[in-house]
Amino acid sequence: MKIFLTGATGFIGHHVARALATEGANLRLLVRKNSNLGNLDGITGETVVGDLAQPESFATALEGCDAVVHVAADYRLWVRDPEAMYRANVDGTRDILRLAREAGVSRVVYTSSVATMNFRRDGIVINEDTPATLADMVGHYKRSKFLAEQQAIAAAQDGQQVIILNPTTPIGPNDRKPTPTGQIFVDFLKGKFPAYMDTGLNLVDVAEVARAHVLALTGGKVGHRYILGGENLTLKQILDKMAAITGLASPTIRVPYLVAATYAFFEEWVTGRIRGREPRATLEEVRMGRKMMFASSAHAQQELGFRIVPVYPAMRAAIEWFRTHGYAP
């Protein structure tokens, strides 16, 4: 099977590329001119230089492909130019879907995000059927991914073979940027996590997320959304697990919401707007943290054969990778 893959140099994308290559797929990998190709070491595939902002630059590369796996996304919780994020996430998804139709590609697997879901403050576990609207989305990242997912849903309703995957919070090795989730680990390892908020996440092994992409190519139902998750954990439980792995102290001080919001406000203005650097905390993160982001992957288990595995080994692998590659002591 010949597969056109976007986002192959990213955290999830390179794990997907490796999983597809292991299954014998013939890969055509979209990379930007200035992409760091380190994550592609050992992965056999043809690279195509192009940019989602200029879709016609790689349009011909989709010809002859059996499927498109669209993983690429702008995943940041703070951005100076929000329009750039919408261009990448919303316009980029719309253009990929269009190019796939024009090239006669039979199947598209779109990597959305659990960020498109509507979580609850009371910690009730949500699933793909939990109602969500654009008004429920906090911040530009969640809004852009919600709008991008609507493009994929609409394409499927119009007859295009599109399957939508919604990873929760992947963790594992090779998080080079790192992602916002990986940054939590790096900050903890550097001793820059003195306190925590009363919030929760669903952590998932990135290798299982990658395996689900392989399964979706043949087993996913058109137009269906599949949450790909692991363990529902409070932030305090995550930090305690990191402490058990590393021997470092887990924070014991819980920060009230208003204190965290005030700190994030000044971080955005002073560090972000005045100094032009990425702030350590953002209002978007704090507002998202008011909800317990707990989710069920039962649908993916039943239809895809997705596996929910303990996240502890992936956390340990991530910590070892960050330390080995100089992100933390």
C-alpha atoms as a PDB file:
ATOM      1  CA  MET A   1       0.000   0.000   0.000  1.00  0.00           C
ATOM      2  CA  LYS A   2       1.376   3.397  -0.994  1.00  0.00           C
ATOM      3  CA  ILE A   3       0.636   6.021   1.655  1.00  0.00           C
ATOM      4  CA  PHE A   4       1.096   9.789   1.609  1.00  0.00           C
ATOM      5  CA  LEU A   5       1.869  10.902   5.175  1.00  0.00           C
ATOM      6  CA  THR A   6       1.960  14.437   6.540  1.00  0.00           C
ATOM      7  CA  GLY A   7       3.621  15.393   9.820  1.00  0.00           C
ATOM      8  CA  ALA A   8       6.171  12.570   9.619  1.00  0.00           C
ATOM      9  CA  THR A   9       8.892  14.584  11.377  1.00  0.00           C
ATOM     10  CA  GLY A  10       6.616  15.400  14.324  1.00  0.00           C
ATOM     11  CA  PHE A  11       6.101  13.506  17.556  1.00  0.00           C
ATOM     12  CA  ILE A  12       3.035  11.439  16.661  1.00  0.00           C
ATOM     13  CA  GLY A  13       3.790  11.487  12.933  1.00  0.00           C
ATOM     14  CA  HIS A  14       7.186   9.815  13.095  1.00  0.00           C
ATOM     15  CA  HIS A  15       5.775   7.049  15.321  1.00  0.00           C
ATOM     16  CA  VAL A  16       3.014   6.579  12.736  1.00  0.00           C
ATOM     17  CA  ALA A  17       5.608   6.480   9.932  1.00  0.00           C
ATOM     18  CA  ARG A  18       7.605   3.828  11.778  1.00  0.00           C
ATOM     19  CA  ALA A  19       4.487   1.728  12.452  1.00  0.00           C
ATOM     20  CA  LEU A  20       3.428   1.920   8.791  1.00  0.00           C
ATOM     21  CA  ALA A  21       6.930   1.082   7.556  1.00  0.00           C
ATOM     22  CA  THR A  22       7.033  -1.923   9.879  1.00  0.00           C
ATOM     23  CA  GLU A  23       3.848  -3.171   8.207  1.00  0.00           C
ATOM     24  CA  GLY A  24       5.506  -2.876   4.795  1.00  0.00           C
ATOM     25  CA  ALA A  25       3.823   0.303   3.584  1.00  0.00           C
ATOM     26  CA  ASN A  26       5.396   2.260   0.737  1.00  0.00           C
ATOM     27  CA  LEU A  27       5.706   5.717   2.281  1.00  0.00           C
ATOM     28  CA  ARG A  28       5.719   9.128   0.657  1.00  0.00           C
ATOM     29  CA  LEU A  29       6.523  11.632   3.419  1.00  0.00           C
ATOM     30  CA  LEU A  30       5.679  15.330   3.251  1.00  0.00           C
ATOM     31  CA  VAL A  31       8.402  17.454   4.895  1.00  0.00           C
ATOM     32  CA  ARG A  32       9.005  21.180   4.961  1.00  0.00           C
ATOM     33  CA  LYS A  33      12.177  22.683   3.535  1.00  0.00           C
ATOM     34  CA  ASN A  34      13.511  23.458   7.020  1.00  0.00           C
ATOM     35  CA  SER A  35      12.256  20.305   8.770  1.00  0.00           C
ATOM     36  CA  ASN A  36      14.558  18.452  11.144  1.00  0.00           C
ATOM     37  CA  LEU A  37      14.691  14.976   9.623  1.00  0.00           C
ATOM     38  CA  GLY A  38      16.234  13.363  12.701  1.00  0.00           C
ATOM     39  CA  ASN A  39      12.996  11.583  13.588  1.00  0.00           C
ATOM     40  CA  LEU A  40      13.033   9.835  10.197  1.00  0.00           C
ATOM     41  CA  ASP A  41      16.295   7.989  10.860  1.00  0.00           C
ATOM     42  CA  GLY A  42      15.787   4.313  10.098  1.00  0.00           C
ATOM     43  CA  ILE A  43      12.432   4.851   8.345  1.00  0.00           C
ATOM     44  CA  THR A  44      12.396   3.944   4.669  1.00  0.00           C
ATOM     45  CA  GLY A  45      10.349   6.301   2.527  1.00  0.00           C
ATOM     46  CA  GLU A  46      10.394   8.920  -0.199  1.00  0.00           C
ATOM     47  CA  THR A  47      10.450  12.499   1.090  1.00  0.00           C
ATOM     48  CA  VAL A  48       8.472  15.217  -0.662  1.00  0.00           C
ATOM     49  CA  VAL A  49       9.337  18.832   0.146  1.00  0.00           C
ATOM     50  CA  GLY A  50       6.248  20.997   0.499  1.00  0.00           C
ATOM     51  CA  ASP A  51       4.170  23.116   2.839  1.00  0.00           C
ATOM     52  CA  LEU A  52       0.527  22.861   3.878  1.00  0.00           C
ATOM     53  CA  ALA A  53       0.301  26.617   3.348  1.00  0.00           C
ATOM     54  CA  GLN A  54       1.080  26.008  -0.347  1.00  0.00           C
ATOM     55  CA  PRO A  55      -0.877  22.839  -1.177  1.00  0.00           C
ATOM     56  CA  GLU A  56      -0.215  22.970  -4.907  1.00  0.00           C
ATOM     57  CA  SER A  57       3.501  22.576  -4.162  1.00  0.00           C
ATOM     58  CA  PHE A  58       2.964  18.882  -3.396  1.00  0.00           C
ATOM     59  CA  ALA A  59      -0.321  18.113  -5.171  1.00  0.00           C
ATOM     60  CA  THR A  60       1.228  15.708  -7.676  1.00  0.00           C
ATOM     61  CA  ALA A  61       2.798  13.681  -4.849  1.00  0.00           C
ATOM     62  CA  LEU A  62      -0.624  12.267  -3.957  1.00  0.00           C
ATOM     63  CA  GLU A  63      -1.030  10.685  -7.372  1.00  0.00           C
ATOM     64  CA  GLY A  64      -0.816   6.913  -7.295  1.00  0.00           C
ATOM     65  CA  CYS A  65      -1.282   6.719  -3.517  1.00  0.00           C
ATOM     66  CA  ASP A  66      -3.793   4.342  -1.974  1.00  0.00           C
ATOM     67  CA  ALA A  67      -4.312   6.387   1.191  1.00  0.00           C
ATOM     68  CA  VAL A  68      -3.484   9.671   2.879  1.00  0.00           C
ATOM     69  CA  VAL A  69      -2.671   9.839   6.584  1.00  0.00           C
ATOM     70  CA  HIS A  70      -2.861  13.472   7.666  1.00  0.00           C
ATOM     71  CA  VAL A  71      -1.101  13.884  11.006  1.00  0.00           C
ATOM     72  CA  ALA A  72       0.491  17.335  10.608  1.00  0.00           C
ATOM     73  CA  ALA A  73      -0.868  20.077  12.863  1.00  0.00           C
ATOM     74  CA  ASP A  74       0.183  23.241  14.638  1.00  0.00           C
ATOM     75  CA  TYR A  75       0.046  22.118  18.284  1.00  0.00           C
ATOM     76  CA  ARG A  76       0.812  25.045  20.566  1.00  0.00           C
ATOM     77  CA  LEU A  77      -1.071  26.539  23.499  1.00  0.00           C
ATOM     78  CA  TRP A  78       0.350  30.006  22.876  1.00  0.00           C
ATOM     79  CA  VAL A  79       0.887  31.642  19.521  1.00  0.00           C
ATOM     80  CA  ARG A  80       1.643  35.248  18.565  1.00  0.00           C
ATOM     81  CA  ASP A  81      -0.217  34.941  15.252  1.00  0.00           C
ATOM     82  CA  PRO A  82      -3.399  32.847  15.688  1.00  0.00           C
ATOM     83  CA  GLU A  83      -4.178  33.116  11.973  1.00  0.00           C
ATOM     84  CA  ALA A  84      -1.122  30.980  11.209  1.00  0.00           C
ATOM     85  CA  MET A  85      -2.566  28.213  13.376  1.00  0.00           C
ATOM     86  CA  TYR A  86      -5.934  28.339  11.592  1.00  0.00           C
ATOM     87  CA  ARG A  87      -4.200  28.271   8.205  1.00  0.00           C
ATOM     88  CA  ALA A  88      -2.237  25.175   9.158  1.00  0.00           C
ATOM     89  CA  ASN A  89      -4.940  23.266  10.983  1.00  0.00           C
ATOM     90  CA  VAL A  90      -8.162  24.260   9.227  1.00  0.00           C
ATOM     91  CA  ASP A  91      -7.110  25.331   5.726  1.00  0.00           C
ATOM     92  CA  GLY A  92      -4.414  22.647   5.620  1.00  0.00           C
ATOM     93  CA  THR A  93      -6.927  19.900   6.418  1.00  0.00           C
ATOM     94  CA  ARG A  94      -9.423  21.202   3.883  1.00  0.00           C
ATOM     95  CA  ASP A  95      -6.739  21.324   1.188  1.00  0.00           C
ATOM     96  CA  ILE A  96      -5.426  17.820   1.966  1.00  0.00           C
ATOM     97  CA  LEU A  97      -8.946  16.429   1.666  1.00  0.00           C
ATOM     98  CA  ARG A  98      -9.444  18.260  -1.626  1.00  0.00           C
ATOM     99  CA  LEU A  99      -6.138  17.084  -3.079  1.00  0.00           C
ATOM    100  CA  ALA A 100      -6.913  13.495  -2.056  1.00  0.00           C
ATOM    101  CA  ARG A 101     -10.226  13.665  -3.939  1.00  0.00           C
ATOM    102  CA  GLU A 102      -8.613  15.190  -7.004  1.00  0.00           C
ATOM    103  CA  ALA A 103      -5.869  12.535  -7.020  1.00  0.00           C
ATOM    104  CA  GLY A 104      -8.383   9.712  -6.642  1.00  0.00           C
ATOM    105  CA  VAL A 105      -6.970   8.548  -3.297  1.00  0.00           C
ATOM    106  CA  SER A 106      -9.406   6.009  -1.916  1.00  0.00           C
ATOM    107  CA  ARG A 107      -8.990   6.560   1.837  1.00  0.00           C
ATOM    108  CA  VAL A 108      -7.980   9.311   4.263  1.00  0.00           C
ATOM    109  CA  VAL A 109      -7.105   8.870   7.931  1.00  0.00           C
ATOM    110  CA  TYR A 110      -7.227  12.251   9.673  1.00  0.00           C
ATOM    111  CA  THR A 111      -5.502  12.747  13.018  1.00  0.00           C
ATOM    112  CA  SER A 112      -7.720  15.092  14.982  1.00  0.00           C
ATOM    113  CA  SER A 113      -7.416  15.495  18.756  1.00  0.00           C
ATOM    114  CA  VAL A 114      -9.327  14.877  21.933  1.00  0.00           C
ATOM    115  CA  ALA A 115      -9.174  18.675  22.209  1.00  0.00           C
ATOM    116  CA  THR A 116     -12.305  18.736  20.026  1.00  0.00           C
ATOM    117  CA  MET A 117     -14.299  17.099  22.825  1.00  0.00           C
ATOM    118  CA  ASN A 118     -16.348  18.890  25.470  1.00  0.00           C
ATOM    119  CA  PHE A 119     -14.941  17.929  28.849  1.00  0.00           C
ATOM    120  CA  ARG A 120     -16.581  18.340  32.242  1.00  0.00           C
ATOM    121  CA  ARG A 121     -15.445  20.001  35.450  1.00  0.00           C
ATOM    122  CA  ASP A 122     -16.935  17.180  37.514  1.00  0.00           C
ATOM    123  CA  GLY A 123     -14.619  14.592  35.950  1.00  0.00           C
ATOM    124  CA  ILE A 124     -17.295  12.575  34.175  1.00  0.00           C
ATOM    125  CA  VAL A 125     -15.680  10.481  31.430  1.00  0.00           C
ATOM    126  CA  ILE A 126     -16.720  11.643  27.947  1.00  0.00           C
ATOM    127  CA  ASN A 127     -16.842   9.770  24.644  1.00  0.00           C
ATOM    128  CA  GLU A 128     -17.336  10.473  20.933  1.00  0.00           C
ATOM    129  CA  ASP A 129     -21.080  11.031  21.437  1.00  0.00           C
ATOM    130  CA  THR A 130     -20.711  13.739  24.090  1.00  0.00           C
ATOM    131  CA  PRO A 131     -22.199  16.921  22.513  1.00  0.00           C
ATOM    132  CA  ALA A 132     -19.674  19.649  21.690  1.00  0.00           C
ATOM    133  CA  THR A 133     -19.895  22.988  19.876  1.00  0.00           C
ATOM    134  CA  LEU A 134     -17.371  25.608  18.825  1.00  0.00           C
ATOM    135  CA  ALA A 135     -18.459  27.679  21.820  1.00  0.00           C
ATOM    136  CA  ASP A 136     -17.189  24.911  24.116  1.00  0.00           C
ATOM    137  CA  MET A 137     -13.660  25.158  22.709  1.00  0.00           C
ATOM    138  CA  VAL A 138     -11.137  27.051  24.852  1.00  0.00           C
ATOM    139  CA  GLY A 139      -8.359  28.824  22.955  1.00  0.00           C
ATOM    140  CA  HIS A 140      -7.131  28.899  19.383  1.00  0.00           C
ATOM    141  CA  TYR A 141      -5.691  25.385  19.308  1.00  0.00           C
ATOM    142  CA  LYS A 142      -8.933  23.707  20.377  1.00  0.00           C
ATOM    143  CA  ARG A 143     -11.009  25.940  18.095  1.00  0.00           C
ATOM    144  CA  SER A 144      -8.771  25.333  15.090  1.00  0.00           C
ATOM    145  CA  LYS A 145      -8.802  21.559  15.605  1.00  0.00           C
ATOM    146  CA  PHE A 146     -12.583  21.580  16.078  1.00  0.00           C
ATOM    147  CA  LEU A 147     -13.059  23.475  12.812  1.00  0.00           C
ATOM    148  CA  ALA A 148     -10.593  21.180  11.031  1.00  0.00           C
ATOM    149  CA  GLU A 149     -12.463  18.124  12.282  1.00  0.00           C
ATOM    150  CA  GLN A 150     -15.697  19.596  10.936  1.00  0.00           C
ATOM    151  CA  GLN A 151     -14.039  19.698   7.513  1.00  0.00           C
ATOM    152  CA  ALA A 152     -13.258  15.983   7.796  1.00  0.00           C
ATOM    153  CA  ILE A 153     -16.782  15.135   8.983  1.00  0.00           C
ATOM    154  CA  ALA A 154     -18.324  17.104   6.129  1.00  0.00           C
ATOM    155  CA  ALA A 155     -16.078  15.361   3.582  1.00  0.00           C
ATOM    156  CA  ALA A 156     -17.158  11.967   4.905  1.00  0.00           C
ATOM    157  CA  GLN A 157     -20.806  12.988   4.725  1.00  0.00           C
ATOM    158  CA  ASP A 158     -20.250  13.936   1.091  1.00  0.00           C
ATOM    159  CA  GLY A 159     -18.975  10.446   0.318  1.00  0.00           C
ATOM    160  CA  GLN A 160     -15.216  10.701   0.827  1.00  0.00           C
ATOM    161  CA  GLN A 161     -13.717   7.763   2.761  1.00  0.00           C
ATOM    162  CA  VAL A 162     -12.459   9.643   5.833  1.00  0.00           C
ATOM    163  CA  ILE A 163     -11.737   8.113   9.238  1.00  0.00           C
ATOM    164  CA  ILE A 164     -11.083  10.442  12.183  1.00  0.00           C
ATOM    165  CA  LEU A 165      -8.746   9.603  15.064  1.00  0.00           C
ATOM    166  CA  ASN A 166      -8.749  11.583  18.316  1.00  0.00           C
ATOM    167  CA  PRO A 167      -5.620  10.899  20.394  1.00  0.00           C
ATOM    168  CA  THR A 168      -5.784  12.073  23.998  1.00  0.00           C
ATOM    169  CA  THR A 169      -2.402  13.107  25.451  1.00  0.00           C
ATOM    170  CA  PRO A 170       0.364  10.997  23.869  1.00  0.00           C
ATOM    171  CA  ILE A 171       3.604  10.435  25.717  1.00  0.00           C
ATOM    172  CA  GLY A 172       6.759   8.545  24.807  1.00  0.00           C
ATOM    173  CA  PRO A 173      10.256   8.999  23.339  1.00  0.00           C
ATOM    174  CA  ASN A 174      11.349  11.294  20.478  1.00  0.00           C
ATOM    175  CA  ASP A 175       9.281  14.327  21.506  1.00  0.00           C
ATOM    176  CA  ARG A 176      11.822  16.706  19.969  1.00  0.00           C
ATOM    177  CA  LYS A 177       9.996  20.070  20.153  1.00  0.00           C
ATOM    178  CA  PRO A 178       8.810  19.133  22.832  1.00  0.00           C
ATOM    179  CA  THR A 179       5.013  19.189  22.718  1.00  0.00           C
ATOM    180  CA  PRO A 180       3.148  20.996  25.538  1.00  0.00           C
ATOM    181  CA  THR A 181       2.751  17.612  27.241  1.00  0.00           C
ATOM    182  CA  GLY A 182       6.428  16.819  26.867  1.00  0.00           C
ATOM    183  CA  GLN A 183       7.234  20.233  28.324  1.00  0.00           C
ATOM    184  CA  ILE A 184       5.448  19.204  31.531  1.00  0.00           C
ATOM    185  CA  PHE A 185       7.910  16.332  31.823  1.00  0.00           C
ATOM    186  CA  VAL A 186      10.915  18.525  31.046  1.00  0.00           C
ATOM    187  CA  ASP A 187       9.851  21.147  33.597  1.00  0.00           C
ATOM    188  CA  PHE A 188       9.397  18.461  36.247  1.00  0.00           C
ATOM    189  CA  LEU A 189      12.842  17.016  35.521  1.00  0.00           C
ATOM    190  CA  LYS A 190      14.380  20.486  35.792  1.00  0.00           C
ATOM    191  CA  GLY A 191      12.691  21.169  39.135  1.00  0.00           C
ATOM    192  CA  LYS A 192      10.473  23.858  37.633  1.00  0.00           C
ATOM    193  CA  PHE A 193       7.194  22.337  38.811  1.00  0.00           C
ATOM    194  CA  PRO A 194       6.795  23.633  42.383  1.00  0.00           C
ATOM    195  CA  ALA A 195       2.987  23.349  42.470  1.00  0.00           C
ATOM    196  CA  TYR A 196       0.053  21.853  40.579  1.00  0.00           C
ATOM    197  CA  MET A 197      -3.534  22.580  39.623  1.00  0.00           C
ATOM    198  CA  ASP A 198      -6.449  20.306  40.407  1.00  0.00           C
ATOM    199  CA  THR A 199      -6.929  19.014  36.880  1.00  0.00           C
ATOM    200  CA  GLY A 200      -6.758  15.743  34.993  1.00  0.00           C
ATOM    201  CA  LEU A 201      -5.556  14.278  31.706  1.00  0.00           C
ATOM    202  CA  ASN A 202      -5.830  11.040  29.802  1.00  0.00           C
ATOM    203  CA  LEU A 203      -2.303   9.877  29.008  1.00  0.00           C
ATOM    204  CA  VAL A 204      -1.724   7.396  26.188  1.00  0.00           C
ATOM    205  CA  ASP A 205       1.343   5.554  24.920  1.00  0.00           C
ATOM    206  CA  VAL A 206       2.252   7.176  21.587  1.00  0.00           C
ATOM    207  CA  ALA A 207       3.169   3.743  20.186  1.00  0.00           C
ATOM    208  CA  GLU A 208      -0.447   2.611  20.643  1.00  0.00           C
ATOM    209  CA  VAL A 209      -1.667   5.785  18.933  1.00  0.00           C
ATOM    210  CA  ALA A 210       0.602   4.950  15.998  1.00  0.00           C
ATOM    211  CA  ARG A 211      -0.651   1.358  15.861  1.00  0.00           C
ATOM    212  CA  ALA A 212      -4.235   2.644  15.717  1.00  0.00           C
ATOM    213  CA  HIS A 213      -3.406   4.574  12.551  1.00  0.00           C
ATOM    214  CA  VAL A 214      -2.381   1.312  10.892  1.00  0.00           C
ATOM    215  CA  LEU A 215      -5.608  -0.338  12.064  1.00  0.00           C
ATOM    216  CA  ALA A 216      -7.742   2.575  10.842  1.00  0.00           C
ATOM    217  CA  LEU A 217      -6.502   2.206   7.260  1.00  0.00           C
ATOM    218  CA  THR A 218      -8.345  -1.075   6.894  1.00  0.00           C
ATOM    219  CA  GLY A 219     -10.678  -1.383   9.873  1.00  0.00           C
ATOM    220  CA  GLY A 220     -11.970   2.127  10.495  1.00  0.00           C
ATOM    221  CA  LYS A 221     -15.547   2.960   9.549  1.00  0.00           C
ATOM    222  CA  VAL A 222     -16.015   5.938   7.249  1.00  0.00           C
ATOM    223  CA  GLY A 223     -17.081   9.078   9.096  1.00  0.00           C
ATOM    224  CA  HIS A 224     -16.470   7.581  12.543  1.00  0.00           C
ATOM    225  CA  ARG A 225     -14.418   9.281  15.240  1.00  0.00           C
ATOM    226  CA  TYR A 226     -12.222   7.179  17.499  1.00  0.00           C
ATOM    227  CA  ILE A 227     -10.812   8.407  20.816  1.00  0.00           C
ATOM    228  CA  LEU A 228      -7.356   6.901  21.353  1.00  0.00           C
ATOM    229  CA  GLY A 229      -6.648   7.040  25.058  1.00  0.00           C
ATOM    230  CA  GLY A 230      -4.911   5.286  27.907  1.00  0.00           C
ATOM    231  CA  GLU A 231      -5.242   6.093  31.598  1.00  0.00           C
ATOM    232  CA  ASN A 232      -7.357   8.855  33.145  1.00  0.00           C
ATOM    233  CA  LEU A 233      -5.100  10.509  35.742  1.00  0.00           C
ATOM    234  CA  THR A 234      -5.148  13.668  37.793  1.00  0.00           C
ATOM    235  CA  LEU A 235      -2.157  15.954  37.297  1.00  0.00           C
ATOM    236  CA  LYS A 236      -1.062  15.098  40.835  1.00  0.00           C
ATOM    237  CA  GLN A 237      -1.122  11.376  39.986  1.00  0.00           C
ATOM    238  CA  ILE A 238       0.985  12.032  36.882  1.00  0.00           C
ATOM    239  CA  LEU A 239       3.533  13.998  38.896  1.00  0.00           C
ATOM    240  CA  ASP A 240       3.627  11.273  41.544  1.00  0.00           C
ATOM    241  CA  LYS A 241       4.338   8.678  38.851  1.00  0.00           C
ATOM    242  CA  MET A 242       7.176  10.828  37.520  1.00  0.00           C
ATOM    243  CA  ALA A 243       8.520  11.123  41.061  1.00  0.00           C
ATOM    244  CA  ALA A 244       8.428   7.324  41.444  1.00  0.00           C
ATOM    245  CA  ILE A 245      10.376   6.902  38.183  1.00  0.00           C
ATOM    246  CA  THR A 246      13.004   9.556  38.885  1.00  0.00           C
ATOM    247  CA  GLY A 247      13.299   9.778  42.648  1.00  0.00           C
ATOM    248  CA  LEU A 248      12.614  13.510  42.423  1.00  0.00           C
ATOM    249  CA  ALA A 249      10.124  15.120  44.791  1.00  0.00           C
ATOM    250  CA  SER A 250       6.534  15.529  43.655  1.00  0.00           C
ATOM    251  CA  PRO A 251       5.004  18.948  44.383  1.00  0.00           C
ATOM    252  CA  THR A 252       2.645  19.069  47.347  1.00  0.00           C
ATOM    253  CA  ILE A 253       1.200  22.568  46.903  1.00  0.00           C
ATOM    254  CA  ARG A 254      -2.081  22.850  45.015  1.00  0.00           C
ATOM    255  CA  VAL A 255      -2.556  26.236  43.310  1.00  0.00           C
ATOM    256  CA  PRO A 256      -6.071  27.730  43.287  1.00  0.00           C
ATOM    257  CA  TYR A 257      -7.497  28.611  39.881  1.00  0.00           C
ATOM    258  CA  LEU A 258      -7.431  32.403  40.404  1.00  0.00           C
ATOM    259  CA  VAL A 259      -3.766  32.337  41.443  1.00  0.00           C
ATOM    260  CA  ALA A 260      -2.838  30.245  38.407  1.00  0.00           C
ATOM    261  CA  ALA A 261      -4.852  32.512  36.091  1.00  0.00           C
ATOM    262  CA  THR A 262      -3.211  35.653  37.484  1.00  0.00           C
ATOM    263  CA  TYR A 263       0.265  34.164  37.053  1.00  0.00           C
ATOM    264  CA  ALA A 264      -0.549  33.069  33.483  1.00  0.00           C
ATOM    265  CA  PHE A 265      -1.905  36.521  32.619  1.00  0.00           C
ATOM    266  CA  PHE A 266       1.338  38.239  33.601  1.00  0.00           C
ATOM    267  CA  GLU A 267       3.439  35.507  31.951  1.00  0.00           C
ATOM    268  CA  GLU A 268       1.633  36.086  28.656  1.00  0.00           C
ATOM    269  CA  TRP A 269       2.074  39.841  28.816  1.00  0.00           C
ATOM    270  CA  VAL A 270       5.629  40.078  30.123  1.00  0.00           C
ATOM    271  CA  THR A 271       7.276  36.959  28.685  1.00  0.00           C
ATOM    272  CA  GLY A 272       5.089  36.582  25.606  1.00  0.00           C
ATOM    273  CA  ARG A 273       4.202  40.036  24.367  1.00  0.00           C
ATOM    274  CA  ILE A 274       7.022  42.182  25.779  1.00  0.00           C
ATOM    275  CA  ARG A 275       9.987  39.759  25.665  1.00  0.00           C
ATOM    276  CA  GLY A 276       8.717  37.831  22.637  1.00  0.00           C
ATOM    277  CA  ARG A 277       9.331  34.407  24.191  1.00  0.00           C
ATOM    278  CA  GLU A 278       6.947  31.548  24.860  1.00  0.00           C
ATOM    279  CA  PRO A 279       5.435  31.973  28.351  1.00  0.00           C
ATOM    280  CA  ARG A 280       5.799  29.201  30.918  1.00  0.00           C
ATOM    281  CA  ALA A 281       2.039  29.283  31.531  1.00  0.00           C
ATOM    282  CA  THR A 282      -0.861  30.597  29.460  1.00  0.00           C
ATOM    283  CA  LEU A 283      -4.431  31.532  30.231  1.00  0.00           C
ATOM    284  CA  GLU A 284      -5.517  28.943  27.683  1.00  0.00           C
ATOM    285  CA  GLU A 285      -3.753  26.204  29.644  1.00  0.00           C
ATOM    286  CA  VAL A 286      -5.250  27.376  32.921  1.00  0.00           C
ATOM    287  CA  ARG A 287      -8.765  27.615  31.475  1.00  0.00           C
ATOM    288  CA  MET A 288      -8.419  24.142  29.986  1.00  0.00           C
ATOM    289  CA  GLY A 289      -7.185  22.930  33.356  1.00  0.00           C
ATOM    290  CA  ARG A 290     -10.490  23.761  35.008  1.00  0.00           C
ATOM    291  CA  LYS A 291     -11.908  20.646  33.352  1.00  0.00           C
ATOM    292  CA  MET A 292     -10.946  17.030  33.947  1.00  0.00           C
ATOM    293  CA  MET A 293      -9.992  15.774  30.475  1.00  0.00           C
ATOM    294  CA  PHE A 294     -11.087  12.193  31.085  1.00  0.00           C
ATOM    295  CA  ALA A 295     -12.178  10.142  28.078  1.00  0.00           C
ATOM    296  CA  SER A 296     -13.252   6.632  27.094  1.00  0.00           C
ATOM    297  CA  SER A 297     -11.663   4.661  24.238  1.00  0.00           C
ATOM    298  CA  ALA A 298     -14.264   1.874  24.242  1.00  0.00           C
ATOM    299  CA  HIS A 299     -15.391   2.683  20.694  1.00  0.00           C
ATOM    300  CA  ALA A 300     -11.843   2.339  19.335  1.00  0.00           C
ATOM    301  CA  GLN A 301     -11.389  -0.888  21.295  1.00  0.00           C
ATOM    302  CA  GLN A 302     -14.537  -2.428  19.828  1.00  0.00           C
ATOM    303  CA  GLU A 303     -14.176  -1.343  16.191  1.00  0.00           C
ATOM    304  CA  LEU A 304     -10.432  -0.903  15.627  1.00  0.00           C
ATOM    305  CA  GLY A 305      -8.877  -3.373  18.018  1.00  0.00           C
ATOM    306  CA  PHE A 306      -7.212  -0.493  19.874  1.00  0.00           C
ATOM    307  CA  ARG A 307      -5.499  -1.478  23.123  1.00  0.00           C
ATOM    308  CA  ILE A 308      -5.574   0.485  26.379  1.00  0.00           C
ATOM    309  CA  VAL A 309      -2.210  -0.173  28.008  1.00  0.00           C
ATOM    310  CA  PRO A 310      -0.574   1.082  31.231  1.00  0.00           C
ATOM    311  CA  VAL A 311       1.108   4.409  30.581  1.00  0.00           C
ATOM    312  CA  TYR A 312       3.941   3.955  33.096  1.00  0.00           C
ATOM    313  CA  PRO A 313       6.398   2.387  30.577  1.00  0.00           C
ATOM    314  CA  ALA A 314       5.765   5.219  28.080  1.00  0.00           C
ATOM    315  CA  MET A 315       6.354   7.802  30.808  1.00  0.00           C
ATOM    316  CA  ARG A 316       9.626   6.126  31.761  1.00  0.00           C
ATOM    317  CA  ALA A 317      10.697   5.958  28.091  1.00  0.00           C
ATOM    318  CA  ALA A 318       9.919   9.662  27.664  1.00  0.00           C
ATOM    319  CA  ILE A 319      11.931  10.611  30.753  1.00  0.00           C
ATOM    320  CA  GLU A 320      14.900   8.514  29.658  1.00  0.00           C
ATOM    321  CA  TRP A 321      14.776  10.064  26.174  1.00  0.00           C
ATOM    322  CA  PHE A 322      14.603  13.640  27.490  1.00  0.00           C
ATOM    323  CA  ARG A 323      17.566  13.004  29.784  1.00  0.00           C
ATOM    324  CA  THR A 324      19.631  11.183  27.166  1.00  0.00           C
ATOM    325  CA  HIS A 325      19.142  13.994  24.640  1.00  0.00           C
ATOM    326  CA  GLY A 326      20.020  16.840  26.979  1.00  0.00           C
ATOM    327  CA  TYR A 327      16.584  18.307  27.656  1.00  0.00           C
ATOM    328  CA  ALA A 328      17.025  17.783  31.390  1.00  0.00           C
ATOM    329  CA  PRO A 329      19.711  16.629  33.863  1.00  0.00           C
END
